[in-house]
Amino acid sequence: MKTINTCEQKQYSPLIPAIIAICKAEKGEKLEIVMNDAAAFSDLKEYLSEQHIGFREIYDGEQMTVQFIMC
């Protein structure tokens, strides 16, 4: 599983490295995206839903994670 941790992202939106990873992922590749920005996390979940990509949400304090397999 490839993990993309955007928690330390300060210069730009944490969505940018997340979407780059999604675009570069191979079919069947497992991704885990970790965020601590609630608005960006909500946007990411909305994007995945629009793309019909099922995902698992994990909440740990202020850290939020989505796990999914690219189809």
PDB file of N, CA and C in Angstrom:
ATOM      1  N   MET A   1       0.844  -1.176   0.000  1.00  0.00           N
ATOM      2  CA  MET A   1       0.000   0.000   0.000  1.00  0.00           C
ATOM      3  C   MET A   1       0.892   1.243   0.000  1.00  0.00           C
ATOM      4  N   LYS A   2       0.600   2.148  -0.887  1.00  0.00           N
ATOM      5  CA  LYS A   2       1.345   3.403  -0.973  1.00  0.00           C
ATOM      6  C   LYS A   2       0.665   4.438  -0.083  1.00  0.00           C
ATOM      7  N   THR A   3       1.440   5.075   0.807  1.00  0.00           N
ATOM      8  CA  THR A   3       0.903   6.071   1.727  1.00  0.00           C
ATOM      9  C   THR A   3       1.347   7.471   1.330  1.00  0.00           C
ATOM     10  N   ILE A   4       0.384   8.379   1.262  1.00  0.00           N
ATOM     11  CA  ILE A   4       0.652   9.784   0.986  1.00  0.00           C
ATOM     12  C   ILE A   4       0.208  10.559   2.222  1.00  0.00           C
ATOM     13  N   ASN A   5       1.160  11.120   2.946  1.00  0.00           N
ATOM     14  CA  ASN A   5       0.861  11.865   4.163  1.00  0.00           C
ATOM     15  C   ASN A   5       0.943  13.357   3.850  1.00  0.00           C
ATOM     16  N   THR A   6      -0.182  14.052   3.934  1.00  0.00           N
ATOM     17  CA  THR A   6      -0.235  15.477   3.607  1.00  0.00           C
ATOM     18  C   THR A   6      -0.298  16.347   4.861  1.00  0.00           C
ATOM     19  N   CYS A   7      -0.107  15.756   6.033  1.00  0.00           N
ATOM     20  CA  CYS A   7      -0.282  16.490   7.301  1.00  0.00           C
ATOM     21  C   CYS A   7       0.690  17.650   7.467  1.00  0.00           C
ATOM     22  N   GLU A   8       1.862  17.572   6.911  1.00  0.00           N
ATOM     23  CA  GLU A   8       2.853  18.631   7.068  1.00  0.00           C
ATOM     24  C   GLU A   8       2.821  19.643   5.929  1.00  0.00           C
ATOM     25  N   GLN A   9       1.862  19.487   5.013  1.00  0.00           N
ATOM     26  CA  GLN A   9       1.760  20.367   3.852  1.00  0.00           C
ATOM     27  C   GLN A   9       1.355  21.775   4.284  1.00  0.00           C
ATOM     28  N   LYS A  10       2.190  22.752   4.052  1.00  0.00           N
ATOM     29  CA  LYS A  10       1.903  24.135   4.455  1.00  0.00           C
ATOM     30  C   LYS A  10       1.870  25.109   3.270  1.00  0.00           C
ATOM     31  N   GLN A  11       2.591  24.798   2.188  1.00  0.00           N
ATOM     32  CA  GLN A  11       2.738  25.753   1.088  1.00  0.00           C
ATOM     33  C   GLN A  11       1.520  25.809   0.166  1.00  0.00           C
ATOM     34  N   TYR A  12       0.788  24.721   0.052  1.00  0.00           N
ATOM     35  CA  TYR A  12      -0.379  24.692  -0.830  1.00  0.00           C
ATOM     36  C   TYR A  12      -1.360  23.651  -0.310  1.00  0.00           C
ATOM     37  N   SER A  13      -2.468  23.494  -0.979  1.00  0.00           N
ATOM     38  CA  SER A  13      -3.528  22.586  -0.544  1.00  0.00           C
ATOM     39  C   SER A  13      -3.035  21.142  -0.439  1.00  0.00           C
ATOM     40  N   PRO A  14      -3.455  20.431   0.602  1.00  0.00           N
ATOM     41  CA  PRO A  14      -3.090  19.015   0.713  1.00  0.00           C
ATOM     42  C   PRO A  14      -3.751  18.161  -0.368  1.00  0.00           C
ATOM     43  N   LEU A  15      -4.703  18.738  -1.076  1.00  0.00           N
ATOM     44  CA  LEU A  15      -5.325  17.986  -2.167  1.00  0.00           C
ATOM     45  C   LEU A  15      -4.373  17.775  -3.338  1.00  0.00           C
ATOM     46  N   ILE A  16      -3.426  18.671  -3.516  1.00  0.00           N
ATOM     47  CA  ILE A  16      -2.532  18.570  -4.675  1.00  0.00           C
ATOM     48  C   ILE A  16      -1.718  17.276  -4.657  1.00  0.00           C
ATOM     49  N   PRO A  17      -0.971  16.961  -3.583  1.00  0.00           N
ATOM     50  CA  PRO A  17      -0.243  15.687  -3.601  1.00  0.00           C
ATOM     51  C   PRO A  17      -1.174  14.471  -3.616  1.00  0.00           C
ATOM     52  N   ALA A  18      -2.360  14.614  -3.044  1.00  0.00           N
ATOM     53  CA  ALA A  18      -3.317  13.504  -3.052  1.00  0.00           C
ATOM     54  C   ALA A  18      -3.781  13.208  -4.473  1.00  0.00           C
ATOM     55  N   ILE A  19      -4.175  14.242  -5.205  1.00  0.00           N
ATOM     56  CA  ILE A  19      -4.666  14.049  -6.574  1.00  0.00           C
ATOM     57  C   ILE A  19      -3.535  13.591  -7.500  1.00  0.00           C
ATOM     58  N   ILE A  20      -2.336  14.096  -7.300  1.00  0.00           N
ATOM     59  CA  ILE A  20      -1.188  13.637  -8.100  1.00  0.00           C
ATOM     60  C   ILE A  20      -0.988  12.142  -7.903  1.00  0.00           C
ATOM     61  N   ALA A  21      -1.044  11.684  -6.654  1.00  0.00           N
ATOM     62  CA  ALA A  21      -0.871  10.252  -6.371  1.00  0.00           C
ATOM     63  C   ALA A  21      -1.977   9.429  -7.019  1.00  0.00           C
ATOM     64  N   ILE A  22      -3.206   9.939  -6.977  1.00  0.00           N
ATOM     65  CA  ILE A  22      -4.325   9.228  -7.603  1.00  0.00           C
ATOM     66  C   ILE A  22      -4.117   9.133  -9.113  1.00  0.00           C
ATOM     67  N   CYS A  23      -3.691  10.218  -9.735  1.00  0.00           N
ATOM     68  CA  CYS A  23      -3.482  10.233 -11.185  1.00  0.00           C
ATOM     69  C   CYS A  23      -2.349   9.305 -11.626  1.00  0.00           C
ATOM     70  N   LYS A  24      -1.335   9.162 -10.791  1.00  0.00           N
ATOM     71  CA  LYS A  24      -0.183   8.326 -11.135  1.00  0.00           C
ATOM     72  C   LYS A  24      -0.366   6.854 -10.765  1.00  0.00           C
ATOM     73  N   ALA A  25      -1.394   6.539  -9.988  1.00  0.00           N
ATOM     74  CA  ALA A  25      -1.592   5.173  -9.505  1.00  0.00           C
ATOM     75  C   ALA A  25      -1.986   4.233 -10.641  1.00  0.00           C
ATOM     76  N   GLU A  26      -1.488   3.034 -10.548  1.00  0.00           N
ATOM     77  CA  GLU A  26      -1.834   1.981 -11.506  1.00  0.00           C
ATOM     78  C   GLU A  26      -3.152   1.330 -11.098  1.00  0.00           C
ATOM     79  N   LYS A  27      -3.821   0.732 -12.055  1.00  0.00           N
ATOM     80  CA  LYS A  27      -5.048   0.004 -11.766  1.00  0.00           C
ATOM     81  C   LYS A  27      -4.740  -1.111 -10.763  1.00  0.00           C
ATOM     82  N   GLY A  28      -5.535  -1.219  -9.719  1.00  0.00           N
ATOM     83  CA  GLY A  28      -5.337  -2.239  -8.698  1.00  0.00           C
ATOM     84  C   GLY A  28      -4.403  -1.840  -7.569  1.00  0.00           C
ATOM     85  N   GLU A  29      -3.752  -0.680  -7.695  1.00  0.00           N
ATOM     86  CA  GLU A  29      -2.828  -0.210  -6.654  1.00  0.00           C
ATOM     87  C   GLU A  29      -3.609   0.269  -5.438  1.00  0.00           C
ATOM     88  N   LYS A  30      -3.109  -0.067  -4.255  1.00  0.00           N
ATOM     89  CA  LYS A  30      -3.739   0.351  -3.010  1.00  0.00           C
ATOM     90  C   LYS A  30      -3.100   1.654  -2.542  1.00  0.00           C
ATOM     91  N   LEU A  31      -3.952   2.633  -2.234  1.00  0.00           N
ATOM     92  CA  LEU A  31      -3.474   3.930  -1.762  1.00  0.00           C
ATOM     93  C   LEU A  31      -4.066   4.238  -0.392  1.00  0.00           C
ATOM     94  N   GLU A  32      -3.277   4.959   0.389  1.00  0.00           N
ATOM     95  CA  GLU A  32      -3.709   5.459   1.688  1.00  0.00           C
ATOM     96  C   GLU A  32      -3.309   6.928   1.730  1.00  0.00           C
ATOM     97  N   ILE A  33      -4.277   7.811   1.926  1.00  0.00           N
ATOM     98  CA  ILE A  33      -3.999   9.244   1.980  1.00  0.00           C
ATOM     99  C   ILE A  33      -4.356   9.747   3.369  1.00  0.00           C
ATOM    100  N   VAL A  34      -3.366  10.347   4.026  1.00  0.00           N
ATOM    101  CA  VAL A  34      -3.511  10.825   5.399  1.00  0.00           C
ATOM    102  C   VAL A  34      -3.564  12.347   5.376  1.00  0.00           C
ATOM    103  N   MET A  35      -4.557  12.911   6.062  1.00  0.00           N
ATOM    104  CA  MET A  35      -4.733  14.366   6.100  1.00  0.00           C
ATOM    105  C   MET A  35      -5.055  14.823   7.515  1.00  0.00           C
ATOM    106  N   ASN A  36      -4.845  16.114   7.760  1.00  0.00           N
ATOM    107  CA  ASN A  36      -5.304  16.722   9.010  1.00  0.00           C
ATOM    108  C   ASN A  36      -6.096  18.004   8.730  1.00  0.00           C
ATOM    109  N   ASP A  37      -6.507  18.178   7.489  1.00  0.00           N
ATOM    110  CA  ASP A  37      -7.315  19.315   7.058  1.00  0.00           C
ATOM    111  C   ASP A  37      -8.716  18.792   6.734  1.00  0.00           C
ATOM    112  N   ALA A  38      -9.693  19.091   7.601  1.00  0.00           N
ATOM    113  CA  ALA A  38     -11.043  18.538   7.465  1.00  0.00           C
ATOM    114  C   ALA A  38     -11.716  18.942   6.151  1.00  0.00           C
ATOM    115  N   ALA A  39     -11.531  20.178   5.723  1.00  0.00           N
ATOM    116  CA  ALA A  39     -12.161  20.633   4.474  1.00  0.00           C
ATOM    117  C   ALA A  39     -11.584  19.885   3.276  1.00  0.00           C
ATOM    118  N   ALA A  40     -10.267  19.736   3.224  1.00  0.00           N
ATOM    119  CA  ALA A  40      -9.628  19.009   2.126  1.00  0.00           C
ATOM    120  C   ALA A  40     -10.030  17.540   2.153  1.00  0.00           C
ATOM    121  N   PHE A  41     -10.147  16.972   3.342  1.00  0.00           N
ATOM    122  CA  PHE A  41     -10.547  15.570   3.486  1.00  0.00           C
ATOM    123  C   PHE A  41     -11.952  15.370   2.930  1.00  0.00           C
ATOM    124  N   SER A  42     -12.842  16.284   3.246  1.00  0.00           N
ATOM    125  CA  SER A  42     -14.207  16.221   2.730  1.00  0.00           C
ATOM    126  C   SER A  42     -14.217  16.327   1.207  1.00  0.00           C
ATOM    127  N   ASP A  43     -13.415  17.237   0.661  1.00  0.00           N
ATOM    128  CA  ASP A  43     -13.315  17.386  -0.798  1.00  0.00           C
ATOM    129  C   ASP A  43     -12.773  16.121  -1.447  1.00  0.00           C
ATOM    130  N   LEU A  44     -11.779  15.496  -0.806  1.00  0.00           N
ATOM    131  CA  LEU A  44     -11.198  14.266  -1.353  1.00  0.00           C
ATOM    132  C   LEU A  44     -12.238  13.150  -1.372  1.00  0.00           C
ATOM    133  N   LYS A  45     -12.996  13.007  -0.309  1.00  0.00           N
ATOM    134  CA  LYS A  45     -14.035  11.975  -0.271  1.00  0.00           C
ATOM    135  C   LYS A  45     -15.094  12.227  -1.342  1.00  0.00           C
ATOM    136  N   GLU A  46     -15.445  13.492  -1.537  1.00  0.00           N
ATOM    137  CA  GLU A  46     -16.413  13.833  -2.574  1.00  0.00           C
ATOM    138  C   GLU A  46     -15.875  13.466  -3.960  1.00  0.00           C
ATOM    139  N   TYR A  47     -14.604  13.770  -4.203  1.00  0.00           N
ATOM    140  CA  TYR A  47     -13.983  13.438  -5.486  1.00  0.00           C
ATOM    141  C   TYR A  47     -13.991  11.921  -5.722  1.00  0.00           C
ATOM    142  N   LEU A  48     -13.585  11.168  -4.705  1.00  0.00           N
ATOM    143  CA  LEU A  48     -13.557   9.709  -4.842  1.00  0.00           C
ATOM    144  C   LEU A  48     -14.953   9.165  -5.117  1.00  0.00           C
ATOM    145  N   SER A  49     -15.956   9.703  -4.440  1.00  0.00           N
ATOM    146  CA  SER A  49     -17.340   9.265  -4.670  1.00  0.00           C
ATOM    147  C   SER A  49     -17.788   9.578  -6.096  1.00  0.00           C
ATOM    148  N   GLU A  50     -17.453  10.765  -6.588  1.00  0.00           N
ATOM    149  CA  GLU A  50     -17.809  11.146  -7.956  1.00  0.00           C
ATOM    150  C   GLU A  50     -17.156  10.245  -8.989  1.00  0.00           C
ATOM    151  N   GLN A  51     -15.962   9.738  -8.663  1.00  0.00           N
ATOM    152  CA  GLN A  51     -15.241   8.852  -9.567  1.00  0.00           C
ATOM    153  C   GLN A  51     -15.642   7.384  -9.378  1.00  0.00           C
ATOM    154  N   HIS A  52     -16.619   7.139  -8.494  1.00  0.00           N
ATOM    155  CA  HIS A  52     -17.104   5.793  -8.183  1.00  0.00           C
ATOM    156  C   HIS A  52     -15.992   4.899  -7.635  1.00  0.00           C
ATOM    157  N   ILE A  53     -15.141   5.496  -6.802  1.00  0.00           N
ATOM    158  CA  ILE A  53     -14.069   4.758  -6.141  1.00  0.00           C
ATOM    159  C   ILE A  53     -14.485   4.567  -4.687  1.00  0.00           C
ATOM    160  N   GLY A  54     -14.688   3.320  -4.294  1.00  0.00           N
ATOM    161  CA  GLY A  54     -15.040   3.025  -2.912  1.00  0.00           C
ATOM    162  C   GLY A  54     -13.835   3.251  -2.012  1.00  0.00           C
ATOM    163  N   PHE A  55     -14.073   3.670  -0.790  1.00  0.00           N
ATOM    164  CA  PHE A  55     -12.965   3.963   0.119  1.00  0.00           C
ATOM    165  C   PHE A  55     -13.354   3.652   1.553  1.00  0.00           C
ATOM    166  N   ARG A  56     -12.349   3.532   2.372  1.00  0.00           N
ATOM    167  CA  ARG A  56     -12.500   3.306   3.805  1.00  0.00           C
ATOM    168  C   ARG A  56     -11.990   4.548   4.523  1.00  0.00           C
ATOM    169  N   GLU A  57     -12.760   5.045   5.485  1.00  0.00           N
ATOM    170  CA  GLU A  57     -12.359   6.215   6.270  1.00  0.00           C
ATOM    171  C   GLU A  57     -11.855   5.763   7.636  1.00  0.00           C
ATOM    172  N   ILE A  58     -10.759   6.378   8.085  1.00  0.00           N
ATOM    173  CA  ILE A  58     -10.213   6.085   9.408  1.00  0.00           C
ATOM    174  C   ILE A  58      -9.958   7.424  10.099  1.00  0.00           C
ATOM    175  N   TYR A  59     -10.452   7.550  11.314  1.00  0.00           N
ATOM    176  CA  TYR A  59     -10.278   8.781  12.086  1.00  0.00           C
ATOM    177  C   TYR A  59      -9.450   8.468  13.330  1.00  0.00           C
ATOM    178  N   ASP A  60      -8.405   9.266  13.543  1.00  0.00           N
ATOM    179  CA  ASP A  60      -7.547   9.103  14.713  1.00  0.00           C
ATOM    180  C   ASP A  60      -7.208  10.493  15.239  1.00  0.00           C
ATOM    181  N   GLY A  61      -8.027  10.989  16.152  1.00  0.00           N
ATOM    182  CA  GLY A  61      -7.832  12.354  16.640  1.00  0.00           C
ATOM    183  C   GLY A  61      -8.056  13.340  15.520  1.00  0.00           C
ATOM    184  N   GLU A  62      -7.072  14.184  15.256  1.00  0.00           N
ATOM    185  CA  GLU A  62      -7.191  15.163  14.172  1.00  0.00           C
ATOM    186  C   GLU A  62      -6.690  14.623  12.844  1.00  0.00           C
ATOM    187  N   GLN A  63      -6.193  13.397  12.840  1.00  0.00           N
ATOM    188  CA  GLN A  63      -5.678  12.784  11.610  1.00  0.00           C
ATOM    189  C   GLN A  63      -6.784  11.942  10.972  1.00  0.00           C
ATOM    190  N   MET A  64      -6.989  12.145   9.662  1.00  0.00           N
ATOM    191  CA  MET A  64      -8.014  11.432   8.914  1.00  0.00           C
ATOM    192  C   MET A  64      -7.348  10.703   7.748  1.00  0.00           C
ATOM    193  N   THR A  65      -7.805   9.486   7.488  1.00  0.00           N
ATOM    194  CA  THR A  65      -7.190   8.663   6.453  1.00  0.00           C
ATOM    195  C   THR A  65      -8.271   8.055   5.566  1.00  0.00           C
ATOM    196  N   VAL A  66      -7.995   8.005   4.277  1.00  0.00           N
ATOM    197  CA  VAL A  66      -8.817   7.221   3.361  1.00  0.00           C
ATOM    198  C   VAL A  66      -7.922   6.156   2.739  1.00  0.00           C
ATOM    199  N   GLN A  67      -8.478   4.962   2.624  1.00  0.00           N
ATOM    200  CA  GLN A  67      -7.787   3.858   1.974  1.00  0.00           C
ATOM    201  C   GLN A  67      -8.684   3.368   0.834  1.00  0.00           C
ATOM    202  N   PHE A  68      -8.066   3.083  -0.306  1.00  0.00           N
ATOM    203  CA  PHE A  68      -8.856   2.616  -1.450  1.00  0.00           C
ATOM    204  C   PHE A  68      -7.946   1.918  -2.440  1.00  0.00           C
ATOM    205  N   ILE A  69      -8.584   1.222  -3.362  1.00  0.00           N
ATOM    206  CA  ILE A  69      -7.879   0.536  -4.444  1.00  0.00           C
ATOM    207  C   ILE A  69      -8.300   1.190  -5.741  1.00  0.00           C
ATOM    208  N   MET A  70      -7.321   1.572  -6.540  1.00  0.00           N
ATOM    209  CA  MET A  70      -7.626   2.191  -7.836  1.00  0.00           C
ATOM    210  C   MET A  70      -8.256   1.164  -8.757  1.00  0.00           C
ATOM    211  N   CYS A  71      -9.316   1.589  -9.436  1.00  0.00           N
ATOM    212  CA  CYS A  71      -9.986   0.675 -10.365  1.00  0.00           C
ATOM    213  C   CYS A  71      -9.915   1.193 -11.773  1.00  0.00           C
TER     214      CYS A  71
END
